[in-house]
C-alpha atoms as a PDB file:
ATOM      1  CA  MET A   1     -52.870 -39.636-164.686  1.00  0.00           C
ATOM      2  CA  LEU A   2     -51.158 -40.173-161.450  1.00  0.00           C
ATOM      3  CA  ILE A   3     -53.067 -41.987-158.317  1.00  0.00           C
ATOM      4  CA  ILE A   4     -51.189 -41.138-155.023  1.00  0.00           C
ATOM      5  CA  ALA A   5     -52.164 -42.181-151.534  1.00  0.00           C
ATOM      6  CA  ASP A   6     -50.354 -42.392-148.240  1.00  0.00           C
ATOM      7  CA  THR A   7     -51.183 -45.973-147.616  1.00  0.00           C
ATOM      8  CA  SER A   8     -51.073 -48.945-150.334  1.00  0.00           C
ATOM      9  CA  LEU A   9     -53.810 -49.364-152.434  1.00  0.00           C
ATOM     10  CA  ASP A  10     -52.864 -53.420-152.032  1.00  0.00           C
ATOM     11  CA  GLY A  11     -55.605 -54.916-150.439  1.00  0.00           C
ATOM     12  CA  MET A  12     -58.737 -52.925-151.582  1.00  0.00           C
ATOM     13  CA  MET A  13     -58.032 -53.266-155.029  1.00  0.00           C
ATOM     14  CA  GLU A  14     -58.177 -56.705-157.205  1.00  0.00           C
ATOM     15  CA  ALA A  15     -54.514 -58.011-157.907  1.00  0.00           C
ATOM     16  CA  LEU A  16     -54.671 -58.764-161.893  1.00  0.00           C
ATOM     17  CA  PRO A  17     -51.360 -60.613-164.228  1.00  0.00           C
ATOM     18  CA  PRO A  18     -49.753 -57.553-166.616  1.00  0.00           C
ATOM     19  CA  LYS A  19     -51.946 -57.488-169.942  1.00  0.00           C
ATOM     20  CA  GLY A  20     -48.407 -57.903-171.747  1.00  0.00           C
ATOM     21  CA  ASP A  21     -47.624 -56.404-175.023  1.00  0.00           C
ATOM     22  CA  PRO A  22     -50.133 -57.583-178.332  1.00  0.00           C
ATOM     23  CA  LEU A  23     -47.414 -55.766-180.528  1.00  0.00           C
ATOM     24  CA  GLY A  24     -44.332 -57.644-179.367  1.00  0.00           C
ATOM     25  CA  THR A  25     -42.600 -54.195-179.259  1.00  0.00           C
ATOM     26  CA  SER A  26     -41.296 -54.404-175.223  1.00  0.00           C
ATOM     27  CA  GLY A  27     -40.691 -57.433-173.169  1.00  0.00           C
ATOM     28  CA  PRO A  28     -41.428 -58.512-169.411  1.00  0.00           C
ATOM     29  CA  HIS A  29     -37.571 -57.655-168.655  1.00  0.00           C
ATOM     30  CA  GLY A  30     -38.267 -53.417-169.420  1.00  0.00           C
ATOM     31  CA  VAL A  31     -36.445 -51.011-171.650  1.00  0.00           C
ATOM     32  CA  THR A  32     -33.355 -48.718-171.800  1.00  0.00           C
ATOM     33  CA  LEU A  33     -34.359 -45.119-171.889  1.00  0.00           C
ATOM     34  CA  PRO A  34     -31.599 -42.874-173.628  1.00  0.00           C
ATOM     35  CA  ASP A  35     -30.239 -41.608-169.886  1.00  0.00           C
ATOM     36  CA  GLY A  36     -29.633 -45.019-169.511  1.00  0.00           C
ATOM     37  CA  ARG A  37     -32.343 -46.021-166.850  1.00  0.00           C
ATOM     38  CA  THR A  38     -34.204 -49.143-167.595  1.00  0.00           C
ATOM     39  CA  VAL A  39     -37.925 -49.196-167.219  1.00  0.00           C
ATOM     40  CA  ILE A  40     -40.798 -51.825-167.184  1.00  0.00           C
ATOM     41  CA  PRO A  41     -43.516 -50.731-169.402  1.00  0.00           C
ATOM     42  CA  LYS A  42     -46.916 -50.868-167.734  1.00  0.00           C
ATOM     43  CA  CYS A  43     -48.124 -53.319-170.021  1.00  0.00           C
ATOM     44  CA  TRP A  44     -45.499 -55.641-168.358  1.00  0.00           C
ATOM     45  CA  MET A  45     -46.469 -54.514-164.845  1.00  0.00           C
ATOM     46  CA  PRO A  46     -48.917 -55.878-162.202  1.00  0.00           C
ATOM     47  CA  ARG A  47     -52.769 -54.503-162.520  1.00  0.00           C
ATOM     48  CA  LEU A  48     -54.331 -53.031-159.368  1.00  0.00           C
ATOM     49  CA  VAL A  49     -57.793 -52.460-160.622  1.00  0.00           C
ATOM     50  CA  CYS A  50     -61.369 -51.195-158.507  1.00  0.00           C
ATOM     51  CA  GLY A  51     -64.162 -51.149-161.305  1.00  0.00           C
ATOM     52  CA  PRO A  52     -63.142 -49.071-164.210  1.00  0.00           C
ATOM     53  CA  VAL A  53     -59.998 -47.701-161.999  1.00  0.00           C
ATOM     54  CA  GLU A  54     -56.672 -49.852-163.348  1.00  0.00           C
ATOM     55  CA  VAL A  55     -53.488 -48.942-162.186  1.00  0.00           C
ATOM     56  CA  VAL A  56     -49.878 -50.185-161.635  1.00  0.00           C
ATOM     57  CA  ASP A  57     -47.596 -49.340-159.214  1.00  0.00           C
ATOM     58  CA  TRP A  58     -45.467 -46.430-160.203  1.00  0.00           C
ATOM     59  CA  THR A  59     -43.808 -45.463-156.851  1.00  0.00           C
ATOM     60  CA  SER A  60     -39.845 -44.578-156.716  1.00  0.00           C
ATOM     61  CA  ASP A  61     -37.975 -42.852-154.519  1.00  0.00           C
ATOM     62  CA  SER A  62     -37.451 -39.532-156.516  1.00  0.00           C
ATOM     63  CA  LEU A  63     -41.324 -38.705-156.941  1.00  0.00           C
ATOM     64  CA  ARG A  64     -41.651 -39.537-153.076  1.00  0.00           C
ATOM     65  CA  LYS A  65     -39.150 -36.462-152.765  1.00  0.00           C
ATOM     66  CA  ARG A  66     -40.336 -34.535-155.199  1.00  0.00           C
ATOM     67  CA  LEU A  67     -43.973 -34.551-153.212  1.00  0.00           C
ATOM     68  CA  ASN A  68     -42.425 -34.523-149.665  1.00  0.00           C
ATOM     69  CA  ASP A  69     -40.342 -31.622-150.879  1.00  0.00           C
ATOM     70  CA  LEU A  70     -43.582 -29.801-151.994  1.00  0.00           C
ATOM     71  CA  LEU A  71     -46.140 -30.507-149.396  1.00  0.00           C
ATOM     72  CA  GLY A  72     -43.378 -30.477-146.529  1.00  0.00           C
ATOM     73  CA  THR A  73     -43.484 -33.695-145.410  1.00  0.00           C
ATOM     74  CA  ASP A  74     -41.857 -36.716-145.237  1.00  0.00           C
ATOM     75  CA  SER A  75     -44.429 -39.746-145.915  1.00  0.00           C
ATOM     76  CA  GLU A  76     -44.069 -42.627-148.003  1.00  0.00           C
ATOM     77  CA  TRP A  77     -46.157 -41.696-150.394  1.00  0.00           C
ATOM     78  CA  MET A  78     -47.570 -44.213-153.070  1.00  0.00           C
ATOM     79  CA  PHE A  79     -47.826 -43.540-156.388  1.00  0.00           C
ATOM     80  CA  TYR A  80     -50.358 -45.404-159.058  1.00  0.00           C
ATOM     81  CA  LEU A  81     -50.099 -44.927-162.652  1.00  0.00           C
ATOM     82  CA  SER A  82     -53.731 -45.430-164.312  1.00  0.00           C
ATOM     83  CA  VAL A  83     -53.812 -47.826-167.261  1.00  0.00           C
ATOM     84  CA  GLY A  84     -55.332 -47.371-170.368  1.00  0.00           C
ATOM     85  CA  ARG A  85     -56.485 -43.807-170.355  1.00  0.00           C
ATOM     86  CA  ASP A  86     -55.105 -40.058-170.025  1.00  0.00           C
ATOM     87  CA  GLY A  87     -56.396 -37.889-167.812  1.00  0.00           C
ATOM     88  CA  HIS A  88     -58.995 -37.554-165.070  1.00  0.00           C
ATOM     89  CA  SER A  89     -62.361 -39.784-165.226  1.00  0.00           C
ATOM     90  CA  ILE A  90     -65.513 -39.380-163.159  1.00  0.00           C
ATOM     91  CA  TRP A  91     -64.617 -43.081-161.781  1.00  0.00           C
ATOM     92  CA  ASP A  92     -61.423 -41.604-160.044  1.00  0.00           C
ATOM     93  CA  LEU A  93     -63.768 -39.043-158.067  1.00  0.00           C
ATOM     94  CA  LEU A  94     -65.577 -41.725-157.231  1.00  0.00           C
ATOM     95  CA  PHE A  95     -63.190 -44.120-155.812  1.00  0.00           C
ATOM     96  CA  VAL A  96     -61.809 -41.287-153.768  1.00  0.00           C
ATOM     97  CA  TYR A  97     -64.805 -42.294-151.682  1.00  0.00           C
ATOM     98  CA  ARG A  98     -63.769 -45.480-151.443  1.00  0.00           C
ATOM     99  CA  TYR A  99     -60.352 -45.135-150.620  1.00  0.00           C
ATOM    100  CA  LEU A 100     -61.166 -42.238-148.013  1.00  0.00           C
ATOM    101  CA  SER A 101     -63.959 -44.377-146.527  1.00  0.00           C
ATOM    102  CA  ARG A 102     -61.431 -47.530-145.845  1.00  0.00           C
ATOM    103  CA  HIS A 103     -58.041 -45.245-145.281  1.00  0.00           C
ATOM    104  CA  ASP A 104     -57.841 -42.174-142.320  1.00  0.00           C
ATOM    105  CA  GLY A 105     -55.393 -40.305-144.794  1.00  0.00           C
ATOM    106  CA  THR A 106     -54.893 -38.752-147.819  1.00  0.00           C
ATOM    107  CA  ILE A 107     -55.364 -39.730-151.844  1.00  0.00           C
ATOM    108  CA  GLY A 108     -54.480 -37.248-154.661  1.00  0.00           C
ATOM    109  CA  LEU A 109     -55.035 -37.021-158.164  1.00  0.00           C
ATOM    110  CA  TYR A 110     -52.595 -35.612-160.396  1.00  0.00           C
ATOM    111  CA  SER A 111     -52.280 -35.629-164.223  1.00  0.00           C
ATOM    112  CA  GLU A 112     -49.582 -33.654-165.658  1.00  0.00           C
ATOM    113  CA  LEU A 113     -46.700 -36.070-166.292  1.00  0.00           C
ATOM    114  CA  ASN A 114     -44.469 -34.159-168.347  1.00  0.00           C
ATOM    115  CA  GLN A 115     -43.119 -32.371-165.406  1.00  0.00           C
ATOM    116  CA  PRO A 116     -44.301 -34.192-162.322  1.00  0.00           C
ATOM    117  CA  LEU A 117     -44.306 -32.763-159.313  1.00  0.00           C
ATOM    118  CA  SER A 118     -42.457 -29.744-159.747  1.00  0.00           C
ATOM    119  CA  PRO A 119     -42.074 -27.036-157.062  1.00  0.00           C
ATOM    120  CA  GLU A 120     -44.251 -24.984-158.766  1.00  0.00           C
ATOM    121  CA  VAL A 121     -47.313 -27.252-158.734  1.00  0.00           C
ATOM    122  CA  PRO A 122     -50.492 -25.676-157.501  1.00  0.00           C
ATOM    123  CA  VAL A 123     -51.433 -27.861-154.768  1.00  0.00           C
ATOM    124  CA  ALA A 124     -55.586 -27.734-154.343  1.00  0.00           C
ATOM    125  CA  ARG A 125     -57.038 -29.107-150.373  1.00  0.00           C
ATOM    126  CA  ILE A 126     -60.313 -30.780-150.818  1.00  0.00           C
ATOM    127  CA  ASP A 127     -62.464 -31.993-147.699  1.00  0.00           C
ATOM    128  CA  VAL A 128     -64.917 -34.286-148.264  1.00  0.00           C
ATOM    129  CA  SER A 129     -66.398 -34.218-144.947  1.00  0.00           C
ATOM    130  CA  THR A 130     -68.690 -31.420-146.689  1.00  0.00           C
ATOM    131  CA  LYS A 131     -69.747 -33.265-149.325  1.00  0.00           C
ATOM    132  CA  GLY A 132     -73.666 -34.884-149.270  1.00  0.00           C
ATOM    133  CA  PRO A 133     -75.311 -37.660-150.795  1.00  0.00           C
ATOM    134  CA  GLY A 134     -74.818 -38.242-154.989  1.00  0.00           C
ATOM    135  CA  MET A 135     -72.263 -35.003-154.771  1.00  0.00           C
ATOM    136  CA  LYS A 136     -68.947 -35.527-156.096  1.00  0.00           C
ATOM    137  CA  PRO A 137     -65.944 -34.992-153.884  1.00  0.00           C
ATOM    138  CA  LEU A 138     -64.788 -31.725-156.620  1.00  0.00           C
ATOM    139  CA  THR A 139     -67.405 -29.475-157.768  1.00  0.00           C
ATOM    140  CA  LEU A 140     -65.025 -28.346-161.337  1.00  0.00           C
ATOM    141  CA  THR A 141     -63.186 -30.844-163.348  1.00  0.00           C
ATOM    142  CA  PRO A 142     -59.942 -31.185-162.213  1.00  0.00           C
ATOM    143  CA  LYS A 143     -56.989 -29.329-164.247  1.00  0.00           C
ATOM    144  CA  SER A 144     -54.143 -31.362-165.128  1.00  0.00           C
ATOM    145  CA  ASP A 145     -51.562 -28.704-163.735  1.00  0.00           C
ATOM    146  CA  VAL A 146     -53.134 -28.610-160.075  1.00  0.00           C
ATOM    147  CA  LEU A 147     -52.785 -31.901-157.287  1.00  0.00           C
ATOM    148  CA  CYS A 148     -56.025 -32.327-155.750  1.00  0.00           C
ATOM    149  CA  LEU A 149     -55.176 -33.942-152.353  1.00  0.00           C
ATOM    150  CA  PHE A 150     -58.601 -35.086-150.860  1.00  0.00           C
ATOM    151  CA  THR A 151     -59.198 -35.809-146.931  1.00  0.00           C
ATOM    152  CA  ASP A 152     -61.944 -36.963-144.832  1.00  0.00           C
ATOM    153  CA  PRO A 153     -61.400 -35.632-141.311  1.00  0.00           C
ATOM    154  CA  SER A 154     -64.978 -36.007-140.157  1.00  0.00           C
ATOM    155  CA  ARG A 155     -64.945 -39.495-141.116  1.00  0.00           C
ATOM    156  CA  THR A 156     -68.027 -39.163-143.417  1.00  0.00           C
ATOM    157  CA  ALA A 157     -66.749 -40.997-146.917  1.00  0.00           C
ATOM    158  CA  SER A 158     -68.246 -44.421-145.485  1.00  0.00           C
ATOM    159  CA  GLY A 159     -71.668 -42.743-145.998  1.00  0.00           C
ATOM    160  CA  HIS A 160     -71.591 -42.532-149.749  1.00  0.00           C
ATOM    161  CA  ASP A 161     -72.106 -45.443-151.525  1.00  0.00           C
ATOM    162  CA  THR A 162     -69.894 -46.868-153.807  1.00  0.00           C
ATOM    163  CA  ALA A 163     -71.090 -50.423-154.714  1.00  0.00           C
ATOM    164  CA  ILE A 164     -71.389 -49.436-158.380  1.00  0.00           C
ATOM    165  CA  LEU A 165     -67.836 -49.626-158.667  1.00  0.00           C
ATOM    166  CA  ASP A 166     -67.619 -53.370-158.258  1.00  0.00           C
ATOM    167  CA  ARG A 167     -70.491 -54.103-160.354  1.00  0.00           C
ATOM    168  CA  THR A 168     -68.976 -53.014-163.623  1.00  0.00           C
ATOM    169  CA  ARG A 169     -66.415 -55.454-163.377  1.00  0.00           C
ATOM    170  CA  ARG A 170     -68.992 -57.930-163.850  1.00  0.00           C
ATOM    171  CA  ASP A 171     -70.528 -56.176-167.045  1.00  0.00           C
ATOM    172  CA  GLU A 172     -68.936 -55.584-170.540  1.00  0.00           C
ATOM    173  CA  GLU A 173     -67.498 -51.996-170.656  1.00  0.00           C
ATOM    174  CA  GLY A 174     -67.415 -50.573-174.004  1.00  0.00           C
ATOM    175  CA  HIS A 175     -65.400 -47.504-175.400  1.00  0.00           C
ATOM    176  CA  ARG A 176     -65.399 -43.787-174.165  1.00  0.00           C
ATOM    177  CA  GLY A 177     -67.000 -45.284-170.285  1.00  0.00           C
ATOM    178  CA  CYS A 178     -70.227 -47.004-171.713  1.00  0.00           C
ATOM    179  CA  TRP A 179     -71.454 -50.180-170.004  1.00  0.00           C
ATOM    180  CA  THR A 180     -73.133 -53.212-171.321  1.00  0.00           C
ATOM    181  CA  PRO A 181     -75.028 -54.969-168.606  1.00  0.00           C
ATOM    182  CA  SER A 182     -73.994 -58.657-168.434  1.00  0.00           C
ATOM    183  CA  ASP A 183     -77.434 -60.082-167.212  1.00  0.00           C
ATOM    184  CA  GLY A 184     -81.176 -58.788-167.497  1.00  0.00           C
ATOM    185  CA  ILE A 185     -80.685 -56.236-164.547  1.00  0.00           C
ATOM    186  CA  THR A 186     -83.395 -53.408-164.520  1.00  0.00           C
ATOM    187  CA  LEU A 187     -83.457 -50.071-163.797  1.00  0.00           C
ATOM    188  CA  GLY A 188     -84.925 -50.214-160.355  1.00  0.00           C
ATOM    189  CA  LYS A 189     -81.986 -53.098-159.435  1.00  0.00           C
ATOM    190  CA  LEU A 190     -78.964 -50.698-160.671  1.00  0.00           C
ATOM    191  CA  MET A 191     -80.309 -47.811-158.999  1.00  0.00           C
ATOM    192  CA  GLY A 192     -80.166 -49.843-155.886  1.00  0.00           C
ATOM    193  CA  ILE A 193     -76.759 -50.906-156.257  1.00  0.00           C
ATOM    194  CA  CYS A 194     -75.702 -47.133-156.988  1.00  0.00           C
ATOM    195  CA  GLY A 195     -77.644 -46.053-153.927  1.00  0.00           C
ATOM    196  CA  ASN A 196     -76.796 -42.455-152.980  1.00  0.00           C
ATOM    197  CA  ALA A 197     -74.217 -42.302-155.174  1.00  0.00           C
ATOM    198  CA  VAL A 198     -75.839 -40.852-157.850  1.00  0.00           C
ATOM    199  CA  ALA A 199     -78.118 -37.679-157.716  1.00  0.00           C
ATOM    200  CA  ASN A 200     -79.098 -37.748-161.075  1.00  0.00           C
ATOM    201  CA  TYR A 201     -80.413 -40.648-163.934  1.00  0.00           C
ATOM    202  CA  THR A 202     -81.422 -39.483-167.420  1.00  0.00           C
ATOM    203  CA  VAL A 203     -83.041 -42.473-169.094  1.00  0.00           C
ATOM    204  CA  TYR A 204     -83.381 -42.962-172.924  1.00  0.00           C
ATOM    205  CA  GLY A 205     -85.356 -45.185-174.191  1.00  0.00           C
ATOM    206  CA  THR A 206     -84.376 -47.965-177.220  1.00  0.00           C
ATOM    207  CA  SER A 207     -86.224 -50.466-179.132  1.00  0.00           C
ATOM    208  CA  GLN A 208     -85.983 -52.941-182.719  1.00  0.00           C
ATOM    209  CA  TYR A 209     -83.027 -54.687-180.444  1.00  0.00           C
ATOM    210  CA  GLY A 210     -81.094 -51.737-179.162  1.00  0.00           C
ATOM    211  CA  LYS A 211     -80.258 -50.370-182.409  1.00  0.00           C
ATOM    212  CA  GLN A 212     -82.308 -47.176-182.323  1.00  0.00           C
ATOM    213  CA  VAL A 213     -82.026 -44.584-179.081  1.00  0.00           C
ATOM    214  CA  SER A 214     -84.646 -42.188-178.368  1.00  0.00           C
ATOM    215  CA  ALA A 215     -83.730 -38.555-179.446  1.00  0.00           C
ATOM    216  CA  GLU A 216     -84.840 -37.432-176.105  1.00  0.00           C
ATOM    217  CA  PRO A 217     -85.177 -39.038-172.439  1.00  0.00           C
ATOM    218  CA  VAL A 218     -88.221 -40.815-171.669  1.00  0.00           C
ATOM    219  CA  GLU A 219     -87.693 -40.055-168.071  1.00  0.00           C
ATOM    220  CA  VAL A 220     -85.323 -37.810-165.663  1.00  0.00           C
ATOM    221  CA  VAL A 221     -85.112 -38.807-162.125  1.00  0.00           C
ATOM    222  CA  THR A 222     -83.618 -36.297-159.912  1.00  0.00           C
ATOM    223  CA  ASP A 223     -83.286 -33.676-157.386  1.00  0.00           C
ATOM    224  CA  LEU A 224     -81.873 -31.302-159.136  1.00  0.00           C
ATOM    225  CA  PRO A 225     -84.652 -27.783-159.436  1.00  0.00           C
ATOM    226  CA  VAL A 226     -83.382 -27.431-162.862  1.00  0.00           C
ATOM    227  CA  PHE A 227     -81.554 -29.458-165.635  1.00  0.00           C
ATOM    228  CA  TRP A 228     -80.730 -28.722-169.239  1.00  0.00           C
ATOM    229  CA  GLU A 229     -78.494 -28.821-172.185  1.00  0.00           C
ATOM    230  CA  HIS A 230     -75.663 -27.035-173.800  1.00  0.00           C
ATOM    231  CA  LYS A 231     -78.125 -25.405-176.380  1.00  0.00           C
ATOM    232  CA  GLY A 232     -81.212 -24.585-173.733  1.00  0.00           C
ATOM    233  CA  GLU A 233     -83.539 -25.879-171.540  1.00  0.00           C
ATOM    234  CA  TRP A 234     -85.134 -29.076-172.083  1.00  0.00           C
ATOM    235  CA  LYS A 235     -88.419 -29.792-169.911  1.00  0.00           C
ATOM    236  CA  GLY A 236     -89.450 -32.984-169.224  1.00  0.00           C
ATOM    237  CA  PRO A 237     -90.928 -35.290-166.835  1.00  0.00           C
ATOM    238  CA  LEU A 238     -89.645 -35.024-163.510  1.00  0.00           C
ATOM    239  CA  ARG A 239     -89.252 -37.572-160.857  1.00  0.00           C
ATOM    240  CA  SER A 240     -88.206 -37.559-157.285  1.00  0.00           C
ATOM    241  CA  ARG A 241     -84.699 -39.079-157.147  1.00  0.00           C
ATOM    242  CA  GLY A 242     -85.071 -43.106-156.330  1.00  0.00           C
ATOM    243  CA  VAL A 243     -88.757 -43.312-158.071  1.00  0.00           C
ATOM    244  CA  SER A 244     -88.790 -43.998-161.707  1.00  0.00           C
ATOM    245  CA  VAL A 245     -91.116 -45.095-163.910  1.00  0.00           C
ATOM    246  CA  HIS A 246     -89.330 -47.404-165.339  1.00  0.00           C
ATOM    247  CA  ALA A 247     -87.906 -49.457-162.315  1.00  0.00           C
ATOM    248  CA  ASP A 248     -88.795 -52.721-164.185  1.00  0.00           C
ATOM    249  CA  ARG A 249     -87.246 -52.553-167.432  1.00  0.00           C
ATOM    250  CA  ARG A 250     -84.001 -53.785-168.612  1.00  0.00           C
ATOM    251  CA  VAL A 251     -80.786 -51.607-168.753  1.00  0.00           C
ATOM    252  CA  MET A 252     -78.966 -52.066-172.211  1.00  0.00           C
ATOM    253  CA  ARG A 253     -76.588 -49.515-171.515  1.00  0.00           C
ATOM    254  CA  TYR A 254     -75.360 -47.236-168.974  1.00  0.00           C
ATOM    255  CA  GLY A 255     -72.742 -44.752-167.890  1.00  0.00           C
ATOM    256  CA  LEU A 256     -71.420 -42.495-165.312  1.00  0.00           C
ATOM    257  CA  TYR A 257     -70.969 -38.470-165.699  1.00  0.00           C
ATOM    258  CA  GLY A 258     -70.527 -35.368-164.151  1.00  0.00           C
ATOM    259  CA  MET A 259     -67.561 -34.008-165.508  1.00  0.00           C
ATOM    260  CA  SER A 260     -67.964 -30.770-167.671  1.00  0.00           C
ATOM    261  CA  GLY A 261     -67.359 -31.325-171.142  1.00  0.00           C
ATOM    262  CA  GLN A 262     -67.000 -35.437-170.672  1.00  0.00           C
ATOM    263  CA  THR A 263     -69.933 -36.699-172.679  1.00  0.00           C
ATOM    264  CA  GLU A 264     -68.427 -39.143-174.194  1.00  0.00           C
ATOM    265  CA  CYS A 265     -70.329 -42.078-172.613  1.00  0.00           C
ATOM    266  CA  PHE A 266     -73.715 -40.533-174.290  1.00  0.00           C
ATOM    267  CA  GLU A 267     -72.004 -40.750-177.921  1.00  0.00           C
ATOM    268  CA  ALA A 268     -71.117 -44.294-176.995  1.00  0.00           C
ATOM    269  CA  MET A 269     -74.614 -45.253-176.136  1.00  0.00           C
ATOM    270  CA  GLY A 270     -75.906 -43.492-179.345  1.00  0.00           C
ATOM    271  CA  VAL A 271     -77.408 -40.334-178.096  1.00  0.00           C
ATOM    272  CA  ARG A 272     -77.120 -37.940-179.971  1.00  0.00           C
ATOM    273  CA  GLY A 273     -77.604 -34.005-178.656  1.00  0.00           C
ATOM    274  CA  HIS A 274     -78.269 -35.270-175.557  1.00  0.00           C
ATOM    275  CA  HIS A 275     -80.599 -33.846-172.818  1.00  0.00           C
ATOM    276  CA  ALA A 276     -78.974 -34.588-169.197  1.00  0.00           C
ATOM    277  CA  ALA A 277     -79.855 -33.612-166.095  1.00  0.00           C
ATOM    278  CA  PHE A 278     -76.367 -32.147-165.167  1.00  0.00           C
ATOM    279  CA  ASP A 279     -74.778 -29.459-162.549  1.00  0.00           C
ATOM    280  CA  ASN A 280     -71.069 -29.267-161.605  1.00  0.00           C
ATOM    281  CA  GLU A 281     -71.512 -30.446-158.272  1.00  0.00           C
ATOM    282  CA  THR A 282     -73.182 -34.299-158.499  1.00  0.00           C
ATOM    283  CA  PHE A 283     -72.694 -37.399-160.153  1.00  0.00           C
ATOM    284  CA  GLY A 284     -75.380 -37.940-162.878  1.00  0.00           C
ATOM    285  CA  MET A 285     -76.060 -41.595-164.966  1.00  0.00           C
ATOM    286  CA  ALA A 286     -77.351 -42.104-168.182  1.00  0.00           C
ATOM    287  CA  VAL A 287     -79.101 -45.122-168.926  1.00  0.00           C
ATOM    288  CA  VAL A 288     -80.409 -46.916-171.849  1.00  0.00           C
ATOM    289  CA  VAL A 289     -83.272 -49.168-170.895  1.00  0.00           C
ATOM    290  CA  ASP A 290     -85.389 -51.530-173.081  1.00  0.00           C
ATOM    291  CA  LEU A 291     -88.906 -50.067-173.413  1.00  0.00           C
ATOM    292  CA  GLY A 292     -90.244 -53.466-175.519  1.00  0.00           C
ATOM    293  CA  GLU A 293     -91.326 -51.977-178.300  1.00  0.00           C
END
């Protein structure tokens, strides 16, 4: 997946050294492609990291020309390729707010790399100024062949909390978007870090040292009038946003959700047939807490 920006991401992301190739199939000096070009594999390129968003600089004159031709612009676009995953992530959408809160410009997301930025690529222009607290900058799941360009002409992006991006760097990342806290953080403190970024919390309980997770949520903290699951409605305890009866419980695992069809974090937490407070417009967080039972 490509992140496209009209300003360099240097300075707003943590710079990390290359991971290197654990299989030893390539070297830091690059590989030669059949057409004669020499490229450096991603694993040998320095990384830029902001929470779960990890990229390498993929800028080239050819990509800049393609994008300027497509948009009718003459800008020094920067291109960054995601590391370790394909396609869009819910965290990319939160990073959009982080970028626009610091730069008065444009940031784009694009994931069709087979024919990058051809003249036929549809372009979606999204003004995030209309997005309120807890809302994603994009309502629908981004399509792979559509270039999404986000701007903030009214300069409202700084009103969206993004501190959870920084928190994830302290915690242990599991597979499929699930994080295990590195300390004994409580649900209340985690919600405080998330601030207004997350509109809906679906809270599950666990006991027996985290090996068994409740089949249904023990609490839903949300401002949504209705919440449901794929197989029908589920009516459970409804709390106002920011108020939880489990605020003092230790968080065992957490993950961000809010993109249709992306339920990996629930599965990674051991939740089967999840009953999430979900809609297309907002960020949600699934949390497993220790009930101490």
